[in-house]
Amino acid sequence: MRETAEAARAKKAQDAAEKRLQRKLDELGRDVDAAWMKLEKLVEARAYDEALMLAVDLKALATRGDALQDFATRFEAMRKRQLRQRGFFDRWKR
């Protein structure tokens, strides 16, 4: 009985986390161009942790919208513009 209750709580927590993620992606999707500009500014400012979180969210949004190729194209273009910011791109590869 106890294991069932724990499993139910875990499922409820997982469902809530998934809902939060979907709301976050919905909000991000309202202005994708602004999100990409913010990502580039974060990389320039060497705020790599925040930039990585945003990049992961942008990739998740692209995956959800079947636009992964668009993500890859934009990300590569940003990488070429930000050649001096290798720290971010090294972290991205991990």
PDB file of N, CA and C in Angstrom:
ATOM      1  N   MET A   1       0.818  -1.194   0.000  1.00  0.00           N
ATOM      2  CA  MET A   1       0.000   0.000   0.000  1.00  0.00           C
ATOM      3  C   MET A   1       0.867   1.266   0.000  1.00  0.00           C
ATOM      4  N   ARG A   2       1.909   1.227   0.839  1.00  0.00           N
ATOM      5  CA  ARG A   2       2.783   2.387   0.959  1.00  0.00           C
ATOM      6  C   ARG A   2       3.515   2.658  -0.358  1.00  0.00           C
ATOM      7  N   GLU A   3       3.970   1.582  -1.014  1.00  0.00           N
ATOM      8  CA  GLU A   3       4.672   1.735  -2.286  1.00  0.00           C
ATOM      9  C   GLU A   3       3.751   2.316  -3.351  1.00  0.00           C
ATOM     10  N   THR A   4       2.499   1.924  -3.328  1.00  0.00           N
ATOM     11  CA  THR A   4       1.521   2.438  -4.285  1.00  0.00           C
ATOM     12  C   THR A   4       1.308   3.932  -4.074  1.00  0.00           C
ATOM     13  N   ALA A   5       1.223   4.357  -2.823  1.00  0.00           N
ATOM     14  CA  ALA A   5       1.044   5.777  -2.517  1.00  0.00           C
ATOM     15  C   ALA A   5       2.275   6.568  -2.954  1.00  0.00           C
ATOM     16  N   GLU A   6       3.460   6.011  -2.714  1.00  0.00           N
ATOM     17  CA  GLU A   6       4.688   6.688  -3.131  1.00  0.00           C
ATOM     18  C   GLU A   6       4.770   6.776  -4.650  1.00  0.00           C
ATOM     19  N   ALA A   7       4.380   5.710  -5.318  1.00  0.00           N
ATOM     20  CA  ALA A   7       4.383   5.716  -6.783  1.00  0.00           C
ATOM     21  C   ALA A   7       3.392   6.745  -7.318  1.00  0.00           C
ATOM     22  N   ALA A   8       2.243   6.855  -6.667  1.00  0.00           N
ATOM     23  CA  ALA A   8       1.238   7.839  -7.087  1.00  0.00           C
ATOM     24  C   ALA A   8       1.766   9.256  -6.893  1.00  0.00           C
ATOM     25  N   ARG A   9       2.440   9.489  -5.766  1.00  0.00           N
ATOM     26  CA  ARG A   9       3.020  10.821  -5.520  1.00  0.00           C
ATOM     27  C   ARG A   9       4.095  11.138  -6.549  1.00  0.00           C
ATOM     28  N   ALA A  10       4.920  10.160  -6.852  1.00  0.00           N
ATOM     29  CA  ALA A  10       5.981  10.363  -7.840  1.00  0.00           C
ATOM     30  C   ALA A  10       5.386  10.667  -9.210  1.00  0.00           C
ATOM     31  N   LYS A  11       4.348   9.954  -9.580  1.00  0.00           N
ATOM     32  CA  LYS A  11       3.678  10.187 -10.871  1.00  0.00           C
ATOM     33  C   LYS A  11       3.070  11.582 -10.903  1.00  0.00           C
ATOM     34  N   LYS A  12       2.440  11.971  -9.808  1.00  0.00           N
ATOM     35  CA  LYS A  12       1.826  13.303  -9.730  1.00  0.00           C
ATOM     36  C   LYS A  12       2.896  14.391  -9.856  1.00  0.00           C
ATOM     37  N   ALA A  13       4.026  14.204  -9.195  1.00  0.00           N
ATOM     38  CA  ALA A  13       5.119  15.175  -9.273  1.00  0.00           C
ATOM     39  C   ALA A  13       5.684  15.231 -10.686  1.00  0.00           C
ATOM     40  N   GLN A  14       5.820  14.079 -11.320  1.00  0.00           N
ATOM     41  CA  GLN A  14       6.327  14.034 -12.693  1.00  0.00           C
ATOM     42  C   GLN A  14       5.358  14.729 -13.647  1.00  0.00           C
ATOM     43  N   ASP A  15       4.072  14.491 -13.473  1.00  0.00           N
ATOM     44  CA  ASP A  15       3.065  15.145 -14.316  1.00  0.00           C
ATOM     45  C   ASP A  15       3.089  16.658 -14.134  1.00  0.00           C
ATOM     46  N   ALA A  16       3.241  17.101 -12.885  1.00  0.00           N
ATOM     47  CA  ALA A  16       3.302  18.538 -12.609  1.00  0.00           C
ATOM     48  C   ALA A  16       4.541  19.157 -13.252  1.00  0.00           C
ATOM     49  N   ALA A  17       5.662  18.465 -13.177  1.00  0.00           N
ATOM     50  CA  ALA A  17       6.897  18.970 -13.792  1.00  0.00           C
ATOM     51  C   ALA A  17       6.741  19.056 -15.305  1.00  0.00           C
ATOM     52  N   GLU A  18       6.105  18.066 -15.901  1.00  0.00           N
ATOM     53  CA  GLU A  18       5.874  18.076 -17.350  1.00  0.00           C
ATOM     54  C   GLU A  18       4.962  19.239 -17.744  1.00  0.00           C
ATOM     55  N   LYS A  19       3.940  19.501 -16.943  1.00  0.00           N
ATOM     56  CA  LYS A  19       3.044  20.639 -17.219  1.00  0.00           C
ATOM     57  C   LYS A  19       3.804  21.956 -17.148  1.00  0.00           C
ATOM     58  N   ARG A  20       4.663  22.091 -16.123  1.00  0.00           N
ATOM     59  CA  ARG A  20       5.461  23.320 -15.988  1.00  0.00           C
ATOM     60  C   ARG A  20       6.365  23.502 -17.198  1.00  0.00           C
ATOM     61  N   LEU A  21       6.988  22.420 -17.641  1.00  0.00           N
ATOM     62  CA  LEU A  21       7.862  22.494 -18.807  1.00  0.00           C
ATOM     63  C   LEU A  21       7.070  22.907 -20.041  1.00  0.00           C
ATOM     64  N   GLN A  22       5.908  22.326 -20.242  1.00  0.00           N
ATOM     65  CA  GLN A  22       5.099  22.661 -21.413  1.00  0.00           C
ATOM     66  C   GLN A  22       4.661  24.127 -21.378  1.00  0.00           C
ATOM     67  N   ARG A  23       4.285  24.621 -20.198  1.00  0.00           N
ATOM     68  CA  ARG A  23       3.922  26.052 -20.073  1.00  0.00           C
ATOM     69  C   ARG A  23       5.128  26.933 -20.378  1.00  0.00           C
ATOM     70  N   LYS A  24       6.289  26.535 -19.873  1.00  0.00           N
ATOM     71  CA  LYS A  24       7.519  27.293 -20.123  1.00  0.00           C
ATOM     72  C   LYS A  24       7.825  27.328 -21.619  1.00  0.00           C
ATOM     73  N   LEU A  25       7.687  26.195 -22.288  1.00  0.00           N
ATOM     74  CA  LEU A  25       7.942  26.146 -23.729  1.00  0.00           C
ATOM     75  C   LEU A  25       6.898  26.940 -24.502  1.00  0.00           C
ATOM     76  N   ASP A  26       5.638  26.898 -24.053  1.00  0.00           N
ATOM     77  CA  ASP A  26       4.592  27.703 -24.695  1.00  0.00           C
ATOM     78  C   ASP A  26       4.944  29.188 -24.621  1.00  0.00           C
ATOM     79  N   GLU A  27       5.379  29.616 -23.438  1.00  0.00           N
ATOM     80  CA  GLU A  27       5.757  31.015 -23.244  1.00  0.00           C
ATOM     81  C   GLU A  27       6.961  31.374 -24.116  1.00  0.00           C
ATOM     82  N   LEU A  28       7.934  30.509 -24.153  1.00  0.00           N
ATOM     83  CA  LEU A  28       9.130  30.730 -24.970  1.00  0.00           C
ATOM     84  C   LEU A  28       8.761  30.809 -26.448  1.00  0.00           C
ATOM     85  N   GLY A  29       7.813  29.992 -26.864  1.00  0.00           N
ATOM     86  CA  GLY A  29       7.396  29.942 -28.259  1.00  0.00           C
ATOM     87  C   GLY A  29       6.657  31.175 -28.734  1.00  0.00           C
ATOM     88  N   ARG A  30       6.198  31.996 -27.811  1.00  0.00           N
ATOM     89  CA  ARG A  30       5.480  33.220 -28.204  1.00  0.00           C
ATOM     90  C   ARG A  30       6.397  34.216 -28.901  1.00  0.00           C
ATOM     91  N   ASP A  31       7.685  34.209 -28.541  1.00  0.00           N
ATOM     92  CA  ASP A  31       8.636  35.126 -29.175  1.00  0.00           C
ATOM     93  C   ASP A  31      10.005  34.451 -29.268  1.00  0.00           C
ATOM     94  N   VAL A  32      10.108  33.544 -30.195  1.00  0.00           N
ATOM     95  CA  VAL A  32      11.333  32.756 -30.360  1.00  0.00           C
ATOM     96  C   VAL A  32      12.512  33.647 -30.743  1.00  0.00           C
ATOM     97  N   ASP A  33      12.268  34.637 -31.583  1.00  0.00           N
ATOM     98  CA  ASP A  33      13.369  35.522 -32.000  1.00  0.00           C
ATOM     99  C   ASP A  33      13.971  36.250 -30.804  1.00  0.00           C
ATOM    100  N   ALA A  34      13.119  36.720 -29.899  1.00  0.00           N
ATOM    101  CA  ALA A  34      13.618  37.396 -28.696  1.00  0.00           C
ATOM    102  C   ALA A  34      14.415  36.423 -27.829  1.00  0.00           C
ATOM    103  N   ALA A  35      13.974  35.180 -27.763  1.00  0.00           N
ATOM    104  CA  ALA A  35      14.697  34.176 -26.978  1.00  0.00           C
ATOM    105  C   ALA A  35      16.084  33.920 -27.566  1.00  0.00           C
ATOM    106  N   TRP A  36      16.174  33.865 -28.885  1.00  0.00           N
ATOM    107  CA  TRP A  36      17.485  33.673 -29.528  1.00  0.00           C
ATOM    108  C   TRP A  36      18.392  34.876 -29.275  1.00  0.00           C
ATOM    109  N   MET A  37      17.829  36.086 -29.314  1.00  0.00           N
ATOM    110  CA  MET A  37      18.642  37.281 -29.024  1.00  0.00           C
ATOM    111  C   MET A  37      19.125  37.237 -27.578  1.00  0.00           C
ATOM    112  N   LYS A  38      18.240  36.825 -26.668  1.00  0.00           N
ATOM    113  CA  LYS A  38      18.632  36.718 -25.260  1.00  0.00           C
ATOM    114  C   LYS A  38      19.741  35.682 -25.102  1.00  0.00           C
ATOM    115  N   LEU A  39      19.622  34.560 -25.790  1.00  0.00           N
ATOM    116  CA  LEU A  39      20.654  33.522 -25.723  1.00  0.00           C
ATOM    117  C   LEU A  39      22.001  34.083 -26.167  1.00  0.00           C
ATOM    118  N   GLU A  40      21.992  34.797 -27.262  1.00  0.00           N
ATOM    119  CA  GLU A  40      23.243  35.353 -27.776  1.00  0.00           C
ATOM    120  C   GLU A  40      23.843  36.356 -26.785  1.00  0.00           C
ATOM    121  N   LYS A  41      23.011  37.181 -26.172  1.00  0.00           N
ATOM    122  CA  LYS A  41      23.503  38.145 -25.180  1.00  0.00           C
ATOM    123  C   LYS A  41      24.058  37.437 -23.949  1.00  0.00           C
ATOM    124  N   LEU A  42      23.403  36.360 -23.532  1.00  0.00           N
ATOM    125  CA  LEU A  42      23.904  35.598 -22.386  1.00  0.00           C
ATOM    126  C   LEU A  42      25.266  34.984 -22.696  1.00  0.00           C
ATOM    127  N   VAL A  43      25.427  34.481 -23.900  1.00  0.00           N
ATOM    128  CA  VAL A  43      26.716  33.901 -24.299  1.00  0.00           C
ATOM    129  C   VAL A  43      27.780  34.993 -24.319  1.00  0.00           C
ATOM    130  N   GLU A  44      27.442  36.143 -24.885  1.00  0.00           N
ATOM    131  CA  GLU A  44      28.395  37.263 -24.924  1.00  0.00           C
ATOM    132  C   GLU A  44      28.807  37.688 -23.525  1.00  0.00           C
ATOM    133  N   ALA A  45      27.858  37.652 -22.587  1.00  0.00           N
ATOM    134  CA  ALA A  45      28.125  38.065 -21.209  1.00  0.00           C
ATOM    135  C   ALA A  45      28.772  36.944 -20.384  1.00  0.00           C
ATOM    136  N   ARG A  46      29.011  35.819 -21.028  1.00  0.00           N
ATOM    137  CA  ARG A  46      29.603  34.644 -20.380  1.00  0.00           C
ATOM    138  C   ARG A  46      28.735  34.110 -19.237  1.00  0.00           C
ATOM    139  N   ALA A  47      27.433  34.298 -19.348  1.00  0.00           N
ATOM    140  CA  ALA A  47      26.482  33.728 -18.386  1.00  0.00           C
ATOM    141  C   ALA A  47      26.099  32.341 -18.909  1.00  0.00           C
ATOM    142  N   TYR A  48      27.085  31.459 -18.907  1.00  0.00           N
ATOM    143  CA  TYR A  48      26.941  30.181 -19.602  1.00  0.00           C
ATOM    144  C   TYR A  48      25.888  29.263 -18.990  1.00  0.00           C
ATOM    145  N   ASP A  49      25.759  29.240 -17.674  1.00  0.00           N
ATOM    146  CA  ASP A  49      24.760  28.356 -17.064  1.00  0.00           C
ATOM    147  C   ASP A  49      23.352  28.731 -17.515  1.00  0.00           C
ATOM    148  N   GLU A  50      23.044  30.014 -17.445  1.00  0.00           N
ATOM    149  CA  GLU A  50      21.722  30.485 -17.879  1.00  0.00           C
ATOM    150  C   GLU A  50      21.547  30.286 -19.385  1.00  0.00           C
ATOM    151  N   ALA A  51      22.609  30.538 -20.133  1.00  0.00           N
ATOM    152  CA  ALA A  51      22.549  30.356 -21.588  1.00  0.00           C
ATOM    153  C   ALA A  51      22.295  28.896 -21.944  1.00  0.00           C
ATOM    154  N   LEU A  52      22.935  27.980 -21.235  1.00  0.00           N
ATOM    155  CA  LEU A  52      22.724  26.558 -21.503  1.00  0.00           C
ATOM    156  C   LEU A  52      21.284  26.150 -21.221  1.00  0.00           C
ATOM    157  N   MET A  53      20.720  26.648 -20.125  1.00  0.00           N
ATOM    158  CA  MET A  53      19.322  26.317 -19.815  1.00  0.00           C
ATOM    159  C   MET A  53      18.395  26.821 -20.913  1.00  0.00           C
ATOM    160  N   LEU A  54      18.641  28.039 -21.384  1.00  0.00           N
ATOM    161  CA  LEU A  54      17.812  28.599 -22.447  1.00  0.00           C
ATOM    162  C   LEU A  54      18.001  27.821 -23.747  1.00  0.00           C
ATOM    163  N   ALA A  55      19.227  27.452 -24.060  1.00  0.00           N
ATOM    164  CA  ALA A  55      19.489  26.679 -25.279  1.00  0.00           C
ATOM    165  C   ALA A  55      18.791  25.320 -25.222  1.00  0.00           C
ATOM    166  N   VAL A  56      18.815  24.685 -24.068  1.00  0.00           N
ATOM    167  CA  VAL A  56      18.122  23.397 -23.905  1.00  0.00           C
ATOM    168  C   VAL A  56      16.624  23.583 -24.124  1.00  0.00           C
ATOM    169  N   ASP A  57      16.071  24.664 -23.580  1.00  0.00           N
ATOM    170  CA  ASP A  57      14.642  24.938 -23.767  1.00  0.00           C
ATOM    171  C   ASP A  57      14.321  25.227 -25.233  1.00  0.00           C
ATOM    172  N   LEU A  58      15.176  25.981 -25.895  1.00  0.00           N
ATOM    173  CA  LEU A  58      14.954  26.258 -27.320  1.00  0.00           C
ATOM    174  C   LEU A  58      15.011  24.972 -28.143  1.00  0.00           C
ATOM    175  N   LYS A  59      15.920  24.089 -27.777  1.00  0.00           N
ATOM    176  CA  LYS A  59      16.001  22.809 -28.491  1.00  0.00           C
ATOM    177  C   LYS A  59      14.752  21.968 -28.224  1.00  0.00           C
ATOM    178  N   ALA A  60      14.282  21.958 -26.986  1.00  0.00           N
ATOM    179  CA  ALA A  60      13.061  21.212 -26.650  1.00  0.00           C
ATOM    180  C   ALA A  60      11.863  21.776 -27.406  1.00  0.00           C
ATOM    181  N   LEU A  61      11.800  23.104 -27.500  1.00  0.00           N
ATOM    182  CA  LEU A  61      10.719  23.745 -28.251  1.00  0.00           C
ATOM    183  C   LEU A  61      10.786  23.352 -29.720  1.00  0.00           C
ATOM    184  N   ALA A  62      11.979  23.345 -30.265  1.00  0.00           N
ATOM    185  CA  ALA A  62      12.158  22.965 -31.671  1.00  0.00           C
ATOM    186  C   ALA A  62      11.782  21.502 -31.892  1.00  0.00           C
ATOM    187  N   THR A  63      12.151  20.656 -30.963  1.00  0.00           N
ATOM    188  CA  THR A  63      11.818  19.233 -31.066  1.00  0.00           C
ATOM    189  C   THR A  63      10.308  19.044 -31.021  1.00  0.00           C
ATOM    190  N   ARG A  64       9.667  19.750 -30.113  1.00  0.00           N
ATOM    191  CA  ARG A  64       8.211  19.659 -29.977  1.00  0.00           C
ATOM    192  C   ARG A  64       7.516  20.141 -31.240  1.00  0.00           C
ATOM    193  N   GLY A  65       8.058  21.162 -31.869  1.00  0.00           N
ATOM    194  CA  GLY A  65       7.442  21.734 -33.059  1.00  0.00           C
ATOM    195  C   GLY A  65       7.975  21.162 -34.360  1.00  0.00           C
ATOM    196  N   ASP A  66       8.746  20.091 -34.283  1.00  0.00           N
ATOM    197  CA  ASP A  66       9.324  19.446 -35.466  1.00  0.00           C
ATOM    198  C   ASP A  66      10.156  20.442 -36.281  1.00  0.00           C
ATOM    199  N   ALA A  67      10.941  21.260 -35.567  1.00  0.00           N
ATOM    200  CA  ALA A  67      11.775  22.276 -36.214  1.00  0.00           C
ATOM    201  C   ALA A  67      13.227  22.145 -35.761  1.00  0.00           C
ATOM    202  N   LEU A  68      13.660  20.921 -35.563  1.00  0.00           N
ATOM    203  CA  LEU A  68      15.015  20.693 -35.067  1.00  0.00           C
ATOM    204  C   LEU A  68      16.073  21.177 -36.050  1.00  0.00           C
ATOM    205  N   GLN A  69      15.797  21.074 -37.338  1.00  0.00           N
ATOM    206  CA  GLN A  69      16.753  21.555 -38.340  1.00  0.00           C
ATOM    207  C   GLN A  69      16.901  23.075 -38.251  1.00  0.00           C
ATOM    208  N   ASP A  70      15.796  23.782 -38.019  1.00  0.00           N
ATOM    209  CA  ASP A  70      15.863  25.237 -37.842  1.00  0.00           C
ATOM    210  C   ASP A  70      16.715  25.585 -36.625  1.00  0.00           C
ATOM    211  N   PHE A  71      16.516  24.832 -35.540  1.00  0.00           N
ATOM    212  CA  PHE A  71      17.323  25.055 -34.344  1.00  0.00           C
ATOM    213  C   PHE A  71      18.803  24.875 -34.670  1.00  0.00           C
ATOM    214  N   ALA A  72      19.131  23.775 -35.336  1.00  0.00           N
ATOM    215  CA  ALA A  72      20.528  23.477 -35.661  1.00  0.00           C
ATOM    216  C   ALA A  72      21.139  24.573 -36.529  1.00  0.00           C
ATOM    217  N   THR A  73      20.370  25.067 -37.483  1.00  0.00           N
ATOM    218  CA  THR A  73      20.857  26.127 -38.372  1.00  0.00           C
ATOM    219  C   THR A  73      21.130  27.409 -37.591  1.00  0.00           C
ATOM    220  N   ARG A  74      20.181  27.798 -36.737  1.00  0.00           N
ATOM    221  CA  ARG A  74      20.352  29.027 -35.952  1.00  0.00           C
ATOM    222  C   ARG A  74      21.497  28.886 -34.951  1.00  0.00           C
ATOM    223  N   PHE A  75      21.590  27.715 -34.341  1.00  0.00           N
ATOM    224  CA  PHE A  75      22.639  27.492 -33.351  1.00  0.00           C
ATOM    225  C   PHE A  75      24.016  27.560 -34.007  1.00  0.00           C
ATOM    226  N   GLU A  76      24.145  26.950 -35.169  1.00  0.00           N
ATOM    227  CA  GLU A  76      25.424  26.974 -35.896  1.00  0.00           C
ATOM    228  C   GLU A  76      25.776  28.400 -36.324  1.00  0.00           C
ATOM    229  N   ALA A  77      24.789  29.165 -36.767  1.00  0.00           N
ATOM    230  CA  ALA A  77      25.040  30.561 -37.152  1.00  0.00           C
ATOM    231  C   ALA A  77      25.514  31.364 -35.942  1.00  0.00           C
ATOM    232  N   MET A  78      24.891  31.117 -34.779  1.00  0.00           N
ATOM    233  CA  MET A  78      25.311  31.817 -33.570  1.00  0.00           C
ATOM    234  C   MET A  78      26.738  31.400 -33.202  1.00  0.00           C
ATOM    235  N   ARG A  79      27.039  30.117 -33.328  1.00  0.00           N
ATOM    236  CA  ARG A  79      28.383  29.636 -33.005  1.00  0.00           C
ATOM    237  C   ARG A  79      29.428  30.344 -33.866  1.00  0.00           C
ATOM    238  N   LYS A  80      29.122  30.533 -35.130  1.00  0.00           N
ATOM    239  CA  LYS A  80      30.064  31.214 -36.028  1.00  0.00           C
ATOM    240  C   LYS A  80      30.245  32.677 -35.638  1.00  0.00           C
ATOM    241  N   ARG A  81      29.174  33.312 -35.170  1.00  0.00           N
ATOM    242  CA  ARG A  81      29.281  34.715 -34.738  1.00  0.00           C
ATOM    243  C   ARG A  81      30.012  34.831 -33.401  1.00  0.00           C
ATOM    244  N   GLN A  82      29.952  33.790 -32.601  1.00  0.00           N
ATOM    245  CA  GLN A  82      30.509  33.827 -31.245  1.00  0.00           C
ATOM    246  C   GLN A  82      31.762  32.955 -31.124  1.00  0.00           C
ATOM    247  N   LEU A  83      32.605  32.976 -32.112  1.00  0.00           N
ATOM    248  CA  LEU A  83      33.787  32.107 -32.123  1.00  0.00           C
ATOM    249  C   LEU A  83      34.657  32.261 -30.877  1.00  0.00           C
ATOM    250  N   ARG A  84      34.665  33.432 -30.310  1.00  0.00           N
ATOM    251  CA  ARG A  84      35.535  33.674 -29.156  1.00  0.00           C
ATOM    252  C   ARG A  84      34.947  33.115 -27.862  1.00  0.00           C
ATOM    253  N   GLN A  85      33.704  32.717 -27.875  1.00  0.00           N
ATOM    254  CA  GLN A  85      33.032  32.234 -26.664  1.00  0.00           C
ATOM    255  C   GLN A  85      33.036  30.701 -26.621  1.00  0.00           C
ATOM    256  N   ARG A  86      34.201  30.120 -26.737  1.00  0.00           N
ATOM    257  CA  ARG A  86      34.311  28.662 -26.810  1.00  0.00           C
ATOM    258  C   ARG A  86      33.795  27.966 -25.560  1.00  0.00           C
ATOM    259  N   GLY A  87      33.870  28.643 -24.419  1.00  0.00           N
ATOM    260  CA  GLY A  87      33.431  28.020 -23.165  1.00  0.00           C
ATOM    261  C   GLY A  87      31.996  27.536 -23.228  1.00  0.00           C
ATOM    262  N   PHE A  88      31.132  28.354 -23.780  1.00  0.00           N
ATOM    263  CA  PHE A  88      29.720  27.968 -23.898  1.00  0.00           C
ATOM    264  C   PHE A  88      29.571  26.754 -24.796  1.00  0.00           C
ATOM    265  N   PHE A  89      30.206  26.779 -25.941  1.00  0.00           N
ATOM    266  CA  PHE A  89      30.038  25.702 -26.914  1.00  0.00           C
ATOM    267  C   PHE A  89      30.709  24.411 -26.447  1.00  0.00           C
ATOM    268  N   ASP A  90      31.789  24.542 -25.678  1.00  0.00           N
ATOM    269  CA  ASP A  90      32.391  23.352 -25.076  1.00  0.00           C
ATOM    270  C   ASP A  90      31.420  22.718 -24.079  1.00  0.00           C
ATOM    271  N   ARG A  91      30.754  23.548 -23.289  1.00  0.00           N
ATOM    272  CA  ARG A  91      29.769  23.030 -22.334  1.00  0.00           C
ATOM    273  C   ARG A  91      28.579  22.412 -23.057  1.00  0.00           C
ATOM    274  N   TRP A  92      28.181  23.005 -24.162  1.00  0.00           N
ATOM    275  CA  TRP A  92      27.037  22.490 -24.919  1.00  0.00           C
ATOM    276  C   TRP A  92      27.315  21.066 -25.406  1.00  0.00           C
ATOM    277  N   LYS A  93      28.549  20.816 -25.798  1.00  0.00           N
ATOM    278  CA  LYS A  93      28.899  19.493 -26.325  1.00  0.00           C
ATOM    279  C   LYS A  93      28.795  18.400 -25.269  1.00  0.00           C
ATOM    280  N   ARG A  94      28.935  18.772 -24.012  1.00  0.00           N
ATOM    281  CA  ARG A  94      28.910  17.767 -22.937  1.00  0.00           C
ATOM    282  C   ARG A  94      27.579  17.215 -22.734  1.00  0.00           C
TER     283      ARG A  94
END
